[in-house]
């Protein structure tokens, strides 16, 4: 399922994290600015967001 957004916001530093479009829900992504490990999540409304993944 391709992502609807080209950027999602890092919850730690509020930087926009670029998305390539082939990421899957639950996949670990690293913020390019603060290097925090993040997980791609989806709300019940199908809205995608990033969450800390420690």
C-alpha atoms as a PDB file:
ATOM      1  CA  UNK A   1       0.000   0.000   0.000  1.00  0.00           C
ATOM      2  CA  UNK A   2       1.679   3.265  -1.058  1.00  0.00           C
ATOM      3  CA  UNK A   3       1.832   6.060   1.463  1.00  0.00           C
ATOM      4  CA  UNK A   4      -0.367   9.131   1.011  1.00  0.00           C
ATOM      5  CA  UNK A   5       2.315  11.446   2.380  1.00  0.00           C
ATOM      6  CA  UNK A   6       5.835  12.200   1.289  1.00  0.00           C
ATOM      7  CA  UNK A   7       6.866  13.408   4.781  1.00  0.00           C
ATOM      8  CA  UNK A   8       5.892  12.456   8.328  1.00  0.00           C
ATOM      9  CA  UNK A   9       6.945  14.360  11.471  1.00  0.00           C
ATOM     10  CA  UNK A  10       9.440  12.935  13.960  1.00  0.00           C
ATOM     11  CA  UNK A  11       7.791  12.898  17.426  1.00  0.00           C
ATOM     12  CA  UNK A  12      11.118  13.647  19.136  1.00  0.00           C
ATOM     13  CA  UNK A  13      12.499  16.628  17.218  1.00  0.00           C
ATOM     14  CA  UNK A  14       9.581  17.709  14.958  1.00  0.00           C
ATOM     15  CA  UNK A  15      11.666  17.389  11.787  1.00  0.00           C
ATOM     16  CA  UNK A  16       9.918  16.185   8.634  1.00  0.00           C
ATOM     17  CA  UNK A  17      11.106  12.651   7.837  1.00  0.00           C
ATOM     18  CA  UNK A  18      11.028  11.820   4.115  1.00  0.00           C
ATOM     19  CA  UNK A  19       9.082   8.690   3.137  1.00  0.00           C
ATOM     20  CA  UNK A  20       9.982   6.734   0.011  1.00  0.00           C
ATOM     21  CA  UNK A  21       6.509   5.287  -0.443  1.00  0.00           C
ATOM     22  CA  UNK A  22       7.396   1.618   0.000  1.00  0.00           C
ATOM     23  CA  UNK A  23       7.460   1.564   3.825  1.00  0.00           C
ATOM     24  CA  UNK A  24       5.238  -0.925   5.636  1.00  0.00           C
ATOM     25  CA  UNK A  25       3.258  -0.452   8.866  1.00  0.00           C
ATOM     26  CA  UNK A  26       5.479  -1.377  11.837  1.00  0.00           C
ATOM     27  CA  UNK A  27       8.711  -0.958   9.870  1.00  0.00           C
ATOM     28  CA  UNK A  28      11.556   0.728  11.755  1.00  0.00           C
ATOM     29  CA  UNK A  29      12.720   4.049  10.330  1.00  0.00           C
ATOM     30  CA  UNK A  30      15.435   6.341  11.709  1.00  0.00           C
ATOM     31  CA  UNK A  31      15.007  10.102  11.901  1.00  0.00           C
ATOM     32  CA  UNK A  32      17.686  11.650   9.654  1.00  0.00           C
ATOM     33  CA  UNK A  33      18.200  14.511  12.141  1.00  0.00           C
ATOM     34  CA  UNK A  34      18.133  13.043  15.675  1.00  0.00           C
ATOM     35  CA  UNK A  35      18.672   9.344  14.722  1.00  0.00           C
ATOM     36  CA  UNK A  36      15.763   8.218  16.943  1.00  0.00           C
ATOM     37  CA  UNK A  37      14.428   4.793  15.929  1.00  0.00           C
ATOM     38  CA  UNK A  38      10.818   5.235  14.837  1.00  0.00           C
ATOM     39  CA  UNK A  39       8.042   2.846  13.859  1.00  0.00           C
ATOM     40  CA  UNK A  40       5.489   3.624  11.170  1.00  0.00           C
ATOM     41  CA  UNK A  41       1.966   3.347  12.625  1.00  0.00           C
ATOM     42  CA  UNK A  42      -1.558   3.851  11.301  1.00  0.00           C
ATOM     43  CA  UNK A  43      -4.528   5.313  13.190  1.00  0.00           C
ATOM     44  CA  UNK A  44      -8.066   3.939  12.827  1.00  0.00           C
ATOM     45  CA  UNK A  45      -8.703   6.815  10.413  1.00  0.00           C
ATOM     46  CA  UNK A  46      -5.906   5.452   8.144  1.00  0.00           C
ATOM     47  CA  UNK A  47      -3.720   8.444   9.039  1.00  0.00           C
ATOM     48  CA  UNK A  48      -0.036   7.462   9.179  1.00  0.00           C
ATOM     49  CA  UNK A  49       2.337   8.689  11.879  1.00  0.00           C
ATOM     50  CA  UNK A  50       5.732   7.914  13.424  1.00  0.00           C
ATOM     51  CA  UNK A  51       6.184   6.660  16.991  1.00  0.00           C
ATOM     52  CA  UNK A  52       9.347   6.099  19.061  1.00  0.00           C
ATOM     53  CA  UNK A  53      10.505   2.482  18.707  1.00  0.00           C
ATOM     54  CA  UNK A  54      12.922   1.683  21.551  1.00  0.00           C
END
